[in-house]
PDB file of N, CA and C in Angstrom:
ATOM      1  N   MET A   1      -2.155  10.348  -7.138  1.00  0.00           N
ATOM      2  CA  MET A   1      -2.170   9.532  -6.063  1.00  0.00           C
ATOM      3  C   MET A   1      -3.479   9.379  -5.306  1.00  0.00           C
ATOM      4  N   ASP A   2      -4.293   8.129  -5.324  1.00  0.00           N
ATOM      5  CA  ASP A   2      -5.898   8.104  -5.376  1.00  0.00           C
ATOM      6  C   ASP A   2      -5.941   7.483  -3.374  1.00  0.00           C
ATOM      7  N   LEU A   3      -6.876   7.451  -2.758  1.00  0.00           N
ATOM      8  CA  LEU A   3      -7.235   6.825  -1.665  1.00  0.00           C
ATOM      9  C   LEU A   3      -7.091   5.219  -1.475  1.00  0.00           C
ATOM     10  N   ARG A   4      -7.289   5.032  -2.901  1.00  0.00           N
ATOM     11  CA  ARG A   4      -7.582   3.502  -3.116  1.00  0.00           C
ATOM     12  C   ARG A   4      -6.189   2.798  -3.203  1.00  0.00           C
ATOM     13  N   VAL A   5      -5.323   3.832  -3.880  1.00  0.00           N
ATOM     14  CA  VAL A   5      -3.533   2.850  -3.801  1.00  0.00           C
ATOM     15  C   VAL A   5      -3.135   3.259  -2.319  1.00  0.00           C
ATOM     16  N   LEU A   6      -3.477   4.256  -1.620  1.00  0.00           N
ATOM     17  CA  LEU A   6      -3.351   3.819  -0.321  1.00  0.00           C
ATOM     18  C   LEU A   6      -3.801   2.938   0.524  1.00  0.00           C
ATOM     19  N   HIS A   7      -5.185   2.348   0.450  1.00  0.00           N
ATOM     20  CA  HIS A   7      -5.523   1.252   0.577  1.00  0.00           C
ATOM     21  C   HIS A   7      -5.043   0.102  -0.116  1.00  0.00           C
ATOM     22  N   TYR A   8      -4.469  -0.156  -0.566  1.00  0.00           N
ATOM     23  CA  TYR A   8      -3.980  -1.253  -1.086  1.00  0.00           C
ATOM     24  C   TYR A   8      -2.232  -1.363  -0.649  1.00  0.00           C
ATOM     25  N   PHE A   9      -1.548  -0.400  -0.320  1.00  0.00           N
ATOM     26  CA  PHE A   9      -0.082  -0.040  -0.149  1.00  0.00           C
ATOM     27  C   PHE A   9      -0.395  -0.572   1.466  1.00  0.00           C
ATOM     28  N   LEU A  10      -1.353   0.108   2.191  1.00  0.00           N
ATOM     29  CA  LEU A  10      -1.256  -0.650   3.959  1.00  0.00           C
ATOM     30  C   LEU A  10      -2.113  -1.822   3.943  1.00  0.00           C
ATOM     31  N   THR A  11      -2.789  -2.404   2.386  1.00  0.00           N
ATOM     32  CA  THR A  11      -3.029  -4.394   2.807  1.00  0.00           C
ATOM     33  C   THR A  11      -1.447  -5.182   2.530  1.00  0.00           C
ATOM     34  N   VAL A  12      -0.759  -4.645   1.676  1.00  0.00           N
ATOM     35  CA  VAL A  12       0.000  -4.838   1.153  1.00  0.00           C
ATOM     36  C   VAL A  12       1.266  -5.405   2.392  1.00  0.00           C
ATOM     37  N   ALA A  13       0.915  -4.042   3.177  1.00  0.00           N
ATOM     38  CA  ALA A  13       2.105  -3.923   4.159  1.00  0.00           C
ATOM     39  C   ALA A  13       1.669  -4.530   5.678  1.00  0.00           C
ATOM     40  N   ARG A  14       0.119  -4.792   5.488  1.00  0.00           N
ATOM     41  CA  ARG A  14       0.092  -5.779   6.678  1.00  0.00           C
ATOM     42  C   ARG A  14       0.095  -7.128   6.050  1.00  0.00           C
ATOM     43  N   GLU A  15      -0.265  -7.856   5.214  1.00  0.00           N
ATOM     44  CA  GLU A  15      -0.257  -8.817   5.224  1.00  0.00           C
ATOM     45  C   GLU A  15       1.496  -9.509   4.997  1.00  0.00           C
ATOM     46  N   GLN A  16       2.203  -7.945   4.224  1.00  0.00           N
ATOM     47  CA  GLN A  16       3.273  -8.442   3.868  1.00  0.00           C
ATOM     48  C   GLN A  16       3.450  -9.806   2.788  1.00  0.00           C
ATOM     49  N   SER A  17       2.791  -9.777   1.991  1.00  0.00           N
ATOM     50  CA  SER A  17       2.992 -10.667   0.523  1.00  0.00           C
ATOM     51  C   SER A  17       1.863 -10.013  -0.232  1.00  0.00           C
ATOM     52  N   PHE A  18       1.980  -9.595  -1.288  1.00  0.00           N
ATOM     53  CA  PHE A  18       1.235  -9.284  -2.607  1.00  0.00           C
ATOM     54  C   PHE A  18       0.165 -10.211  -2.965  1.00  0.00           C
ATOM     55  N   THR A  19       0.461 -11.549  -2.735  1.00  0.00           N
ATOM     56  CA  THR A  19      -0.638 -12.839  -3.314  1.00  0.00           C
ATOM     57  C   THR A  19      -1.663 -12.566  -2.213  1.00  0.00           C
ATOM     58  N   LYS A  20      -1.457 -12.474  -0.952  1.00  0.00           N
ATOM     59  CA  LYS A  20      -2.509 -12.280   0.066  1.00  0.00           C
ATOM     60  C   LYS A  20      -3.484 -11.308  -0.271  1.00  0.00           C
ATOM     61  N   ALA A  21      -2.386  -9.743  -0.019  1.00  0.00           N
ATOM     62  CA  ALA A  21      -3.429  -8.462   0.046  1.00  0.00           C
ATOM     63  C   ALA A  21      -4.117  -8.731  -1.454  1.00  0.00           C
ATOM     64  N   ALA A  22      -3.712  -8.984  -2.956  1.00  0.00           N
ATOM     65  CA  ALA A  22      -4.553  -9.191  -4.133  1.00  0.00           C
ATOM     66  C   ALA A  22      -5.610 -10.124  -3.622  1.00  0.00           C
ATOM     67  N   GLU A  23      -5.843 -11.027  -2.467  1.00  0.00           N
ATOM     68  CA  GLU A  23      -6.624 -12.068  -2.691  1.00  0.00           C
ATOM     69  C   GLU A  23      -7.893 -11.152  -1.466  1.00  0.00           C
ATOM     70  N   GLN A  24      -7.568 -10.392  -0.911  1.00  0.00           N
ATOM     71  CA  GLN A  24      -8.381  -9.687   0.164  1.00  0.00           C
ATOM     72  C   GLN A  24      -8.891  -8.745  -0.510  1.00  0.00           C
ATOM     73  N   LEU A  25      -7.960  -7.932  -1.700  1.00  0.00           N
ATOM     74  CA  LEU A  25      -8.809  -6.907  -2.312  1.00  0.00           C
ATOM     75  C   LEU A  25      -9.294  -7.393  -3.592  1.00  0.00           C
ATOM     76  N   HIS A  26      -9.757  -8.155  -4.033  1.00  0.00           N
ATOM     77  CA  HIS A  26     -10.213  -8.720  -5.069  1.00  0.00           C
ATOM     78  C   HIS A  26      -9.975  -8.192  -6.409  1.00  0.00           C
ATOM     79  N   ILE A  27      -8.124  -8.271  -6.332  1.00  0.00           N
ATOM     80  CA  ILE A  27      -7.586  -7.708  -7.346  1.00  0.00           C
ATOM     81  C   ILE A  27      -6.626  -8.817  -8.097  1.00  0.00           C
ATOM     82  N   THR A  28      -6.375  -8.481  -9.210  1.00  0.00           N
ATOM     83  CA  THR A  28      -5.232  -9.692  -9.424  1.00  0.00           C
ATOM     84  C   THR A  28      -3.811  -9.214  -8.796  1.00  0.00           C
ATOM     85  N   GLN A  29      -2.748  -9.958  -8.496  1.00  0.00           N
ATOM     86  CA  GLN A  29      -1.460  -9.595  -7.845  1.00  0.00           C
ATOM     87  C   GLN A  29      -0.950  -9.169  -9.229  1.00  0.00           C
ATOM     88  N   PRO A  30      -0.722  -9.234 -10.441  1.00  0.00           N
ATOM     89  CA  PRO A  30       0.395  -8.092 -11.295  1.00  0.00           C
ATOM     90  C   PRO A  30      -1.000  -6.855 -11.273  1.00  0.00           C
ATOM     91  N   THR A  31      -1.323  -6.612 -11.196  1.00  0.00           N
ATOM     92  CA  THR A  31      -2.289  -5.622 -10.865  1.00  0.00           C
ATOM     93  C   THR A  31      -2.119  -4.978  -9.422  1.00  0.00           C
ATOM     94  N   LEU A  32      -1.807  -5.739  -8.649  1.00  0.00           N
ATOM     95  CA  LEU A  32      -1.455  -4.962  -7.381  1.00  0.00           C
ATOM     96  C   LEU A  32      -0.095  -4.602  -7.192  1.00  0.00           C
ATOM     97  N   SER A  33       0.416  -4.950  -7.764  1.00  0.00           N
ATOM     98  CA  SER A  33       2.302  -5.051  -7.872  1.00  0.00           C
ATOM     99  C   SER A  33       2.585  -3.669  -8.857  1.00  0.00           C
ATOM    100  N   ARG A  34       1.546  -3.693 -10.117  1.00  0.00           N
ATOM    101  CA  ARG A  34       1.786  -2.421 -10.969  1.00  0.00           C
ATOM    102  C   ARG A  34       1.558  -1.504 -10.144  1.00  0.00           C
ATOM    103  N   GLN A  35      -0.039  -1.515  -9.446  1.00  0.00           N
ATOM    104  CA  GLN A  35      -0.165  -0.296  -8.899  1.00  0.00           C
ATOM    105  C   GLN A  35       0.808   0.524  -7.681  1.00  0.00           C
ATOM    106  N   LEU A  36       1.134  -0.378  -7.257  1.00  0.00           N
ATOM    107  CA  LEU A  36       2.334  -0.083  -5.965  1.00  0.00           C
ATOM    108  C   LEU A  36       3.884   0.015  -6.202  1.00  0.00           C
ATOM    109  N   ALA A  37       4.109  -0.483  -7.883  1.00  0.00           N
ATOM    110  CA  ALA A  37       5.391   0.466  -8.406  1.00  0.00           C
ATOM    111  C   ALA A  37       5.278   2.022  -8.817  1.00  0.00           C
ATOM    112  N   ALA A  38       4.156   2.001  -9.466  1.00  0.00           N
ATOM    113  CA  ALA A  38       3.755   3.264 -10.202  1.00  0.00           C
ATOM    114  C   ALA A  38       3.677   4.491  -8.464  1.00  0.00           C
ATOM    115  N   LEU A  39       2.887   4.150  -8.027  1.00  0.00           N
ATOM    116  CA  LEU A  39       2.934   5.000  -6.201  1.00  0.00           C
ATOM    117  C   LEU A  39       4.822   4.978  -6.037  1.00  0.00           C
ATOM    118  N   GLU A  40       5.648   4.210  -5.861  1.00  0.00           N
ATOM    119  CA  GLU A  40       6.804   3.991  -5.685  1.00  0.00           C
ATOM    120  C   GLU A  40       7.492   5.498  -6.455  1.00  0.00           C
ATOM    121  N   GLU A  41       6.920   5.281  -7.878  1.00  0.00           N
ATOM    122  CA  GLU A  41       7.636   5.769  -8.909  1.00  0.00           C
ATOM    123  C   GLU A  41       6.818   7.362  -8.442  1.00  0.00           C
ATOM    124  N   GLU A  42       6.002   7.692  -8.637  1.00  0.00           N
ATOM    125  CA  GLU A  42       5.634   8.725  -8.286  1.00  0.00           C
ATOM    126  C   GLU A  42       6.325   9.368  -7.194  1.00  0.00           C
ATOM    127  N   LEU A  43       5.911   8.749  -6.119  1.00  0.00           N
ATOM    128  CA  LEU A  43       6.895   9.357  -4.528  1.00  0.00           C
ATOM    129  C   LEU A  43       8.555   9.757  -4.734  1.00  0.00           C
ATOM    130  N   GLY A  44       8.945   8.424  -5.598  1.00  0.00           N
ATOM    131  CA  GLY A  44       9.968   8.913  -5.646  1.00  0.00           C
ATOM    132  C   GLY A  44      11.252   8.391  -4.658  1.00  0.00           C
ATOM    133  N   VAL A  45      11.000   7.358  -3.864  1.00  0.00           N
ATOM    134  CA  VAL A  45      11.177   6.741  -3.309  1.00  0.00           C
ATOM    135  C   VAL A  45      10.713   4.811  -3.033  1.00  0.00           C
ATOM    136  N   MET A  46      11.725   4.247  -2.203  1.00  0.00           N
ATOM    137  CA  MET A  46      11.218   2.728  -2.409  1.00  0.00           C
ATOM    138  C   MET A  46      10.976   2.370  -1.189  1.00  0.00           C
ATOM    139  N   LEU A  47       9.443   1.993  -1.205  1.00  0.00           N
ATOM    140  CA  LEU A  47       8.441   1.711  -0.242  1.00  0.00           C
ATOM    141  C   LEU A  47       8.732   0.346   0.714  1.00  0.00           C
ATOM    142  N   LEU A  48       8.711  -0.569  -0.591  1.00  0.00           N
ATOM    143  CA  LEU A  48       8.941  -1.623  -0.361  1.00  0.00           C
ATOM    144  C   LEU A  48       9.839  -3.119  -0.026  1.00  0.00           C
ATOM    145  N   VAL A  49      10.492  -3.330   0.293  1.00  0.00           N
ATOM    146  CA  VAL A  49      11.671  -4.526  -0.403  1.00  0.00           C
ATOM    147  C   VAL A  49      11.274  -5.957  -0.328  1.00  0.00           C
ATOM    148  N   ARG A  50      11.346  -6.577  -1.357  1.00  0.00           N
ATOM    149  CA  ARG A  50      10.244  -7.435  -1.986  1.00  0.00           C
ATOM    150  C   ARG A  50      11.570  -8.609  -2.307  1.00  0.00           C
ATOM    151  N   SER A  51      11.432  -9.405  -1.161  1.00  0.00           N
ATOM    152  CA  SER A  51      12.470 -10.812  -1.428  1.00  0.00           C
ATOM    153  C   SER A  51      11.766 -11.717  -1.657  1.00  0.00           C
ATOM    154  N   GLY A  52      11.458 -12.644  -2.705  1.00  0.00           N
ATOM    155  CA  GLY A  52      10.838 -13.723  -3.283  1.00  0.00           C
ATOM    156  C   GLY A  52       9.340 -13.328  -2.429  1.00  0.00           C
ATOM    157  N   ARG A  53       8.758 -14.008  -2.210  1.00  0.00           N
ATOM    158  CA  ARG A  53       7.617 -13.895  -1.422  1.00  0.00           C
ATOM    159  C   ARG A  53       7.561 -12.904  -0.278  1.00  0.00           C
ATOM    160  N   ASN A  54       8.286 -12.775   0.538  1.00  0.00           N
ATOM    161  CA  ASN A  54       8.537 -11.946   1.143  1.00  0.00           C
ATOM    162  C   ASN A  54       8.445 -10.528   0.905  1.00  0.00           C
ATOM    163  N   ILE A  55       7.501  -9.774   2.026  1.00  0.00           N
ATOM    164  CA  ILE A  55       7.820  -8.023   1.677  1.00  0.00           C
ATOM    165  C   ILE A  55       8.120  -7.242   2.717  1.00  0.00           C
ATOM    166  N   THR A  56       8.653  -6.570   2.730  1.00  0.00           N
ATOM    167  CA  THR A  56       9.054  -5.900   4.613  1.00  0.00           C
ATOM    168  C   THR A  56       9.461  -4.025   3.842  1.00  0.00           C
ATOM    169  N   LEU A  57       8.724  -3.678   4.737  1.00  0.00           N
ATOM    170  CA  LEU A  57       8.729  -2.321   4.626  1.00  0.00           C
ATOM    171  C   LEU A  57      10.212  -1.421   4.917  1.00  0.00           C
ATOM    172  N   THR A  58      10.798  -0.708   3.836  1.00  0.00           N
ATOM    173  CA  THR A  58      11.899   0.192   4.398  1.00  0.00           C
ATOM    174  C   THR A  58      11.224   1.372   5.193  1.00  0.00           C
ATOM    175  N   ASP A  59      12.296   2.258   5.512  1.00  0.00           N
ATOM    176  CA  ASP A  59      12.536   3.327   6.072  1.00  0.00           C
ATOM    177  C   ASP A  59      11.192   4.373   5.691  1.00  0.00           C
ATOM    178  N   GLN A  60      11.357   4.538   4.855  1.00  0.00           N
ATOM    179  CA  GLN A  60      10.057   5.255   4.114  1.00  0.00           C
ATOM    180  C   GLN A  60       9.072   4.957   4.015  1.00  0.00           C
ATOM    181  N   GLY A  61       8.888   3.347   3.755  1.00  0.00           N
ATOM    182  CA  GLY A  61       7.407   2.969   3.506  1.00  0.00           C
ATOM    183  C   GLY A  61       7.214   2.761   5.409  1.00  0.00           C
ATOM    184  N   ILE A  62       7.628   2.870   6.420  1.00  0.00           N
ATOM    185  CA  ILE A  62       7.079   2.700   7.587  1.00  0.00           C
ATOM    186  C   ILE A  62       6.394   4.288   8.205  1.00  0.00           C
ATOM    187  N   PHE A  63       7.486   5.311   7.846  1.00  0.00           N
ATOM    188  CA  PHE A  63       6.822   6.866   7.619  1.00  0.00           C
ATOM    189  C   PHE A  63       5.248   6.573   6.415  1.00  0.00           C
ATOM    190  N   PHE A  64       5.558   6.396   5.280  1.00  0.00           N
ATOM    191  CA  PHE A  64       4.770   6.818   4.667  1.00  0.00           C
ATOM    192  C   PHE A  64       3.473   5.685   4.894  1.00  0.00           C
ATOM    193  N   LYS A  65       3.125   4.364   5.789  1.00  0.00           N
ATOM    194  CA  LYS A  65       2.557   3.495   6.300  1.00  0.00           C
ATOM    195  C   LYS A  65       1.650   4.621   7.374  1.00  0.00           C
ATOM    196  N   ARG A  66       2.475   5.239   8.257  1.00  0.00           N
ATOM    197  CA  ARG A  66       1.570   6.317   9.549  1.00  0.00           C
ATOM    198  C   ARG A  66       0.791   7.321   8.697  1.00  0.00           C
ATOM    199  N   ARG A  67       1.672   8.020   7.491  1.00  0.00           N
ATOM    200  CA  ARG A  67       0.666   9.270   6.870  1.00  0.00           C
ATOM    201  C   ARG A  67      -0.903   8.222   6.328  1.00  0.00           C
ATOM    202  N   ALA A  68      -0.398   7.679   5.511  1.00  0.00           N
ATOM    203  CA  ALA A  68      -1.191   6.778   4.549  1.00  0.00           C
ATOM    204  C   ALA A  68      -2.390   6.599   5.356  1.00  0.00           C
ATOM    205  N   GLN A  69      -1.895   5.840   6.583  1.00  0.00           N
ATOM    206  CA  GLN A  69      -3.389   5.261   7.686  1.00  0.00           C
ATOM    207  C   GLN A  69      -4.099   6.781   7.984  1.00  0.00           C
ATOM    208  N   GLU A  70      -3.016   7.917   8.456  1.00  0.00           N
ATOM    209  CA  GLU A  70      -3.859   9.044   8.837  1.00  0.00           C
ATOM    210  C   GLU A  70      -4.368   9.422   7.815  1.00  0.00           C
ATOM    211  N   LEU A  71      -4.391  10.022   6.617  1.00  0.00           N
ATOM    212  CA  LEU A  71      -5.021  10.279   5.295  1.00  0.00           C
ATOM    213  C   LEU A  71      -6.342   9.373   5.652  1.00  0.00           C
ATOM    214  N   LEU A  72      -6.276   7.779   5.674  1.00  0.00           N
ATOM    215  CA  LEU A  72      -7.667   6.884   5.586  1.00  0.00           C
ATOM    216  C   LEU A  72      -8.455   7.231   6.743  1.00  0.00           C
ATOM    217  N   ASP A  73      -8.238   7.222   7.765  1.00  0.00           N
ATOM    218  CA  ASP A  73      -8.585   7.958   8.516  1.00  0.00           C
ATOM    219  C   ASP A  73      -9.630   9.176   8.964  1.00  0.00           C
ATOM    220  N   LEU A  74      -8.872  10.430   8.283  1.00  0.00           N
ATOM    221  CA  LEU A  74      -9.474  11.511   8.305  1.00  0.00           C
ATOM    222  C   LEU A  74     -10.607  11.301   6.963  1.00  0.00           C
ATOM    223  N   GLU A  75     -10.125  10.523   6.359  1.00  0.00           N
ATOM    224  CA  GLU A  75     -11.750  10.425   4.726  1.00  0.00           C
ATOM    225  C   GLU A  75     -12.643   9.760   5.535  1.00  0.00           C
ATOM    226  N   GLU A  76     -12.453   8.775   6.728  1.00  0.00           N
ATOM    227  CA  GLU A  76     -13.659   7.740   6.679  1.00  0.00           C
ATOM    228  C   GLU A  76     -14.457   8.554   7.864  1.00  0.00           C
ATOM    229  N   ARG A  77     -13.530   9.443   8.793  1.00  0.00           N
ATOM    230  CA  ARG A  77     -14.138  10.233   9.895  1.00  0.00           C
ATOM    231  C   ARG A  77     -15.246  11.500   8.738  1.00  0.00           C
ATOM    232  N   LYS A  78     -14.356  12.003   7.557  1.00  0.00           N
ATOM    233  CA  LYS A  78     -15.237  12.689   6.971  1.00  0.00           C
ATOM    234  C   LYS A  78     -16.265  12.463   6.000  1.00  0.00           C
ATOM    235  N   GLU A  79     -16.464  11.069   5.498  1.00  0.00           N
ATOM    236  CA  GLU A  79     -17.360  10.335   5.195  1.00  0.00           C
ATOM    237  C   GLU A  79     -18.725  10.244   6.279  1.00  0.00           C
ATOM    238  N   LYS A  80     -18.269  10.217   7.730  1.00  0.00           N
ATOM    239  CA  LYS A  80     -19.070   9.470   8.696  1.00  0.00           C
ATOM    240  C   LYS A  80     -20.021  10.778   9.256  1.00  0.00           C
ATOM    241  N   SER A  81     -19.333  12.260   8.718  1.00  0.00           N
ATOM    242  CA  SER A  81     -20.013  13.604   9.365  1.00  0.00           C
ATOM    243  C   SER A  81     -20.928  14.486   8.268  1.00  0.00           C
TER     244      SER A  81
END
């Protein structure tokens, strides 16, 4: 898992849409979907509930969102120092 995928996950969680997130990230929607499916596979948990065009976070997704944001915040602080 790399920080780029954490950023992808957080963007999808914020937008609640793969399409909108892909547009913001300047990647294709299928690529984004595959990256997050691989993340879920790597972690062994379901982070997102996909229902049509709507995305909601599972309980594990909510927990992971907080931790992912903490990691990206730490990385940003490290880069500034």
